[in-house]
Every structure is written in C-alpha cells, then in structure tokens.
C-alpha cells in the first residue's frame, strides 16, 4: 500500500491491519515526521500498489494502484471512481 502526502499518519494503523506500507512525502519536514513515526519513506512511488491513500486533490496520474482511497480536508474518505 502507498500513503501519499500524509507524513506517515496512516502507515502504522495500516501495517497493524496487515498491509506493507510505503510513504511518499514531498515536503522534507513531513518526510522526517513520517520517519519519526517509523514509516518506510521513499522518494517516489515505483511499481504497482494494491491500494493508495491520498489527499482528495492529489495528482495520481503516475500512480499504478488497484484501489484509490481519497481523503478530503475534513478527514472523510471515499473510494475513487
């Protein structure tokens, strides 16, 4: 699973649910926050992912994922069409 742009806040709960999670975070300070949360942080998403959790306004054109969960500013999640 890929967590895109949340500083690793979803990584640990998803790992507890059995997912292998990688985090892509463009902001260096937020990438460091993800590392402090013991998340695996990578520079970019490479390969296919079973799922991605991303902000509702994220550009996912280069992401290869079977499922997409979008989270809006209010924290509400929805599956992408």
Protein backbone atom coordinates (compact mmCIF):
# COMPACT_ATOMS: atom_id res chain seq x y z
CA UNK A 1 0.00 0.00 0.00
CA UNK A 2 1.08 3.55 -0.69
CA UNK A 3 0.42 6.51 1.57
CA UNK A 4 0.82 9.70 -0.40
CA UNK A 5 1.26 13.03 1.36
CA UNK A 6 0.15 12.43 4.95
CA UNK A 7 3.51 12.38 6.79
CA UNK A 8 3.04 8.72 7.69
CA UNK A 9 -0.08 9.12 9.84
CA UNK A 10 -1.83 6.18 8.16
CA UNK A 11 1.19 3.88 7.88
CA UNK A 12 1.19 2.28 11.34
CA UNK A 13 -2.57 1.54 11.52
CA UNK A 14 -2.42 0.07 8.01
CA UNK A 15 0.57 -2.06 8.97
CA UNK A 16 -1.34 -3.31 12.01
CA UNK A 17 -4.10 -4.33 9.58
CA UNK A 18 -1.57 -6.41 7.64
CA UNK A 19 -0.53 -4.06 4.84
CA UNK A 20 3.06 -3.43 3.79
CA UNK A 21 3.11 0.37 3.55
CA UNK A 22 5.43 2.85 1.87
CA UNK A 23 5.11 6.59 2.27
CA UNK A 24 5.84 9.24 -0.35
CA UNK A 25 6.08 12.71 1.13
CA UNK A 26 7.41 15.62 -0.95
CA UNK A 27 7.95 18.01 1.96
CA UNK A 28 11.24 17.17 3.72
CA UNK A 29 9.94 18.16 7.17
CA UNK A 30 6.86 15.96 6.75
CA UNK A 31 9.04 13.13 5.41
CA UNK A 32 11.07 13.39 8.62
CA UNK A 33 7.83 13.24 10.64
CA UNK A 34 6.97 10.03 8.80
CA UNK A 35 10.39 8.57 9.61
CA UNK A 36 9.90 9.51 13.28
CA UNK A 37 6.65 7.53 13.10
CA UNK A 38 8.85 4.63 11.88
CA UNK A 39 7.28 4.65 8.42
CA UNK A 40 9.19 3.49 5.37
CA UNK A 41 9.64 6.70 3.34
CA UNK A 42 10.63 6.58 -0.33
CA UNK A 43 11.31 9.38 -2.81
CA UNK A 44 8.73 8.27 -5.35
CA UNK A 45 6.14 5.60 -5.97
CA UNK A 46 7.59 2.89 -8.19
CA UNK A 47 5.68 -0.20 -9.25
CA UNK A 48 2.16 -1.42 -8.66
CA UNK A 49 0.32 -0.95 -5.38
CA UNK A 50 -2.72 -2.84 -4.14
CA UNK A 51 -4.07 0.48 -2.84
CA UNK A 52 -3.16 4.11 -2.32
CA UNK A 53 -4.45 6.55 0.28
CA UNK A 54 -4.06 10.15 -0.87
CA UNK A 55 -5.46 13.66 -0.40
CA UNK A 56 -8.57 14.28 -2.50
CA UNK A 57 -6.70 16.82 -4.63
CA UNK A 58 -3.63 14.64 -5.31
CA UNK A 59 -2.42 14.08 -8.85
CA UNK A 60 -2.45 10.31 -9.20
CA UNK A 61 -1.80 10.07 -12.94
CA UNK A 62 1.60 8.42 -12.41
CA UNK A 63 0.39 6.04 -9.67
CA UNK A 64 -0.35 2.42 -10.54
CA UNK A 65 -2.82 1.21 -7.91
CA UNK A 66 -5.71 -1.24 -7.93
CA UNK A 67 -7.72 0.82 -5.41
CA UNK A 68 -7.64 4.51 -4.51
CA UNK A 69 -8.88 6.00 -1.25
CA UNK A 70 -9.14 9.79 -1.27
CA UNK A 71 -9.26 11.77 1.98
CA UNK A 72 -10.68 15.31 1.98
CA UNK A 73 -9.68 18.18 4.26
CA UNK A 74 -12.35 17.15 6.77
CA UNK A 75 -10.89 13.65 7.08
CA UNK A 76 -13.68 11.96 5.13
CA UNK A 77 -12.53 9.09 2.93
CA UNK A 78 -14.05 7.89 -0.32
CA UNK A 79 -13.08 5.40 -2.99
CA UNK A 80 -12.07 6.96 -6.28
CA UNK A 81 -14.16 6.02 -9.29
